[in-house]
Amino acid sequence: MRSAASAVALFLASAAAAPPAAPAAAPPAAQAAGPGIRIEFDARLHSRLVSTLDGAGVPLGPLSASETVVVGGAERADFALQG
């Protein structure tokens, strides 16, 4: 019979070896493009840059909050896209 410690070690090793698949990316809620570059926005107005130099579109980083405000001492980073 396995000890609890060896069972935990086996679980952690298997979890590290096979990370879960990333969810499919949702299409951008809005975007703007120019020669070789596109900026995409999701429904929370997080943004990312995408290189289009190769024609395929290569994200240069993850979607993230590029703008924040402080309201009542709390930082707000999610804004709903409306309209």
C-alpha atoms as a PDB file:
ATOM      1  CA  MET A   1       0.000   0.000   0.000  1.00  0.00           C
ATOM      2  CA  ARG A   2       1.301   3.468  -0.860  1.00  0.00           C
ATOM      3  CA  SER A   3       1.940   6.063   1.790  1.00  0.00           C
ATOM      4  CA  ALA A   4       0.029   9.328   1.609  1.00  0.00           C
ATOM      5  CA  ALA A   5       3.269  11.181   0.857  1.00  0.00           C
ATOM      6  CA  SER A   6       4.122   8.969  -2.120  1.00  0.00           C
ATOM      7  CA  ALA A   7       0.560   9.253  -3.451  1.00  0.00           C
ATOM      8  CA  VAL A   8       0.772  13.065  -3.246  1.00  0.00           C
ATOM      9  CA  ALA A   9       4.195  13.044  -4.928  1.00  0.00           C
ATOM     10  CA  LEU A  10       2.861  10.838  -7.736  1.00  0.00           C
ATOM     11  CA  PHE A  11      -0.154  13.151  -8.206  1.00  0.00           C
ATOM     12  CA  LEU A  12       2.035  16.267  -8.335  1.00  0.00           C
ATOM     13  CA  ALA A  13       4.446  14.657 -10.800  1.00  0.00           C
ATOM     14  CA  SER A  14       1.625  13.597 -13.128  1.00  0.00           C
ATOM     15  CA  ALA A  15      -0.049  17.019 -12.904  1.00  0.00           C
ATOM     16  CA  ALA A  16       3.212  18.764 -13.799  1.00  0.00           C
ATOM     17  CA  ALA A  17       3.866  16.393 -16.705  1.00  0.00           C
ATOM     18  CA  ALA A  18       0.462  16.920 -18.317  1.00  0.00           C
ATOM     19  CA  PRO A  19      -0.846  20.459 -17.858  1.00  0.00           C
ATOM     20  CA  PRO A  20      -4.485  20.982 -18.804  1.00  0.00           C
ATOM     21  CA  ALA A  21      -5.197  22.183 -22.316  1.00  0.00           C
ATOM     22  CA  ALA A  22      -5.783  25.898 -22.685  1.00  0.00           C
ATOM     23  CA  PRO A  23      -9.367  26.857 -23.463  1.00  0.00           C
ATOM     24  CA  ALA A  24     -10.082  27.874 -27.026  1.00  0.00           C
ATOM     25  CA  ALA A  25      -9.590  31.578 -27.522  1.00  0.00           C
ATOM     26  CA  ALA A  26     -12.764  33.558 -28.057  1.00  0.00           C
ATOM     27  CA  PRO A  27     -12.817  35.857 -31.069  1.00  0.00           C
ATOM     28  CA  PRO A  28     -11.985  39.468 -30.213  1.00  0.00           C
ATOM     29  CA  ALA A  29     -14.910  41.694 -29.249  1.00  0.00           C
ATOM     30  CA  ALA A  30     -13.252  44.595 -31.095  1.00  0.00           C
ATOM     31  CA  GLN A  31     -10.037  45.172 -33.006  1.00  0.00           C
ATOM     32  CA  ALA A  32      -8.079  47.785 -34.910  1.00  0.00           C
ATOM     33  CA  ALA A  33      -5.325  47.055 -37.419  1.00  0.00           C
ATOM     34  CA  GLY A  34      -2.601  48.685 -39.417  1.00  0.00           C
ATOM     35  CA  PRO A  35       0.239  47.401 -41.605  1.00  0.00           C
ATOM     36  CA  GLY A  36       1.807  44.441 -39.763  1.00  0.00           C
ATOM     37  CA  ILE A  37       0.000  44.926 -36.419  1.00  0.00           C
ATOM     38  CA  ARG A  38      -3.427  44.447 -34.863  1.00  0.00           C
ATOM     39  CA  ILE A  39      -4.732  45.306 -31.384  1.00  0.00           C
ATOM     40  CA  GLU A  40      -7.511  43.083 -30.070  1.00  0.00           C
ATOM     41  CA  PHE A  41      -9.929  43.739 -27.199  1.00  0.00           C
ATOM     42  CA  ASP A  42     -12.027  41.181 -25.340  1.00  0.00           C
ATOM     43  CA  ALA A  43     -15.423  41.796 -23.708  1.00  0.00           C
ATOM     44  CA  ARG A  44     -13.691  43.164 -20.555  1.00  0.00           C
ATOM     45  CA  LEU A  45     -11.616  45.587 -22.669  1.00  0.00           C
ATOM     46  CA  HIS A  46      -8.398  43.715 -21.966  1.00  0.00           C
ATOM     47  CA  SER A  47      -6.095  44.108 -24.943  1.00  0.00           C
ATOM     48  CA  ARG A  48      -3.178  42.436 -26.698  1.00  0.00           C
ATOM     49  CA  LEU A  49      -1.023  43.130 -29.726  1.00  0.00           C
ATOM     50  CA  VAL A  50      -0.905  40.685 -32.613  1.00  0.00           C
ATOM     51  CA  SER A  51       1.809  40.715 -35.271  1.00  0.00           C
ATOM     52  CA  THR A  52       0.381  40.206 -38.757  1.00  0.00           C
ATOM     53  CA  LEU A  53       3.693  40.416 -40.605  1.00  0.00           C
ATOM     54  CA  ASP A  54       3.566  36.721 -41.542  1.00  0.00           C
ATOM     55  CA  GLY A  55      -0.090  36.886 -42.556  1.00  0.00           C
ATOM     56  CA  ALA A  56      -1.131  34.361 -39.886  1.00  0.00           C
ATOM     57  CA  GLY A  57      -1.350  36.585 -36.808  1.00  0.00           C
ATOM     58  CA  VAL A  58       1.017  35.911 -33.919  1.00  0.00           C
ATOM     59  CA  PRO A  59      -0.055  37.195 -30.463  1.00  0.00           C
ATOM     60  CA  LEU A  60       2.792  39.141 -28.841  1.00  0.00           C
ATOM     61  CA  GLY A  61       1.426  38.485 -25.345  1.00  0.00           C
ATOM     62  CA  PRO A  62      -1.712  37.536 -23.463  1.00  0.00           C
ATOM     63  CA  LEU A  63      -4.858  39.610 -23.135  1.00  0.00           C
ATOM     64  CA  SER A  64      -4.370  41.875 -20.124  1.00  0.00           C
ATOM     65  CA  ALA A  65      -5.744  45.019 -18.535  1.00  0.00           C
ATOM     66  CA  SER A  66      -3.850  47.905 -20.085  1.00  0.00           C
ATOM     67  CA  GLU A  67      -5.833  50.583 -18.263  1.00  0.00           C
ATOM     68  CA  THR A  68      -7.067  50.689 -14.662  1.00  0.00           C
ATOM     69  CA  VAL A  69      -8.821  53.167 -12.404  1.00  0.00           C
ATOM     70  CA  VAL A  70      -8.970  53.446  -8.604  1.00  0.00           C
ATOM     71  CA  VAL A  71     -12.473  53.869  -7.163  1.00  0.00           C
ATOM     72  CA  GLY A  72     -13.000  54.053  -3.423  1.00  0.00           C
ATOM     73  CA  GLY A  73      -9.482  52.771  -2.851  1.00  0.00           C
ATOM     74  CA  ALA A  74      -9.996  49.660  -5.020  1.00  0.00           C
ATOM     75  CA  GLU A  75      -8.342  49.172  -8.387  1.00  0.00           C
ATOM     76  CA  ARG A  76     -10.725  48.308 -11.238  1.00  0.00           C
ATOM     77  CA  ALA A  77      -9.282  46.594 -14.305  1.00  0.00           C
ATOM     78  CA  ASP A  78     -12.362  45.137 -16.027  1.00  0.00           C
ATOM     79  CA  PHE A  79     -14.673  47.322 -18.081  1.00  0.00           C
ATOM     80  CA  ALA A  80     -17.629  45.894 -20.008  1.00  0.00           C
ATOM     81  CA  LEU A  81     -17.722  46.553 -23.729  1.00  0.00           C
ATOM     82  CA  GLN A  82     -21.135  47.993 -24.559  1.00  0.00           C
ATOM     83  CA  GLY A  83     -22.888  49.099 -27.696  1.00  0.00           C
END
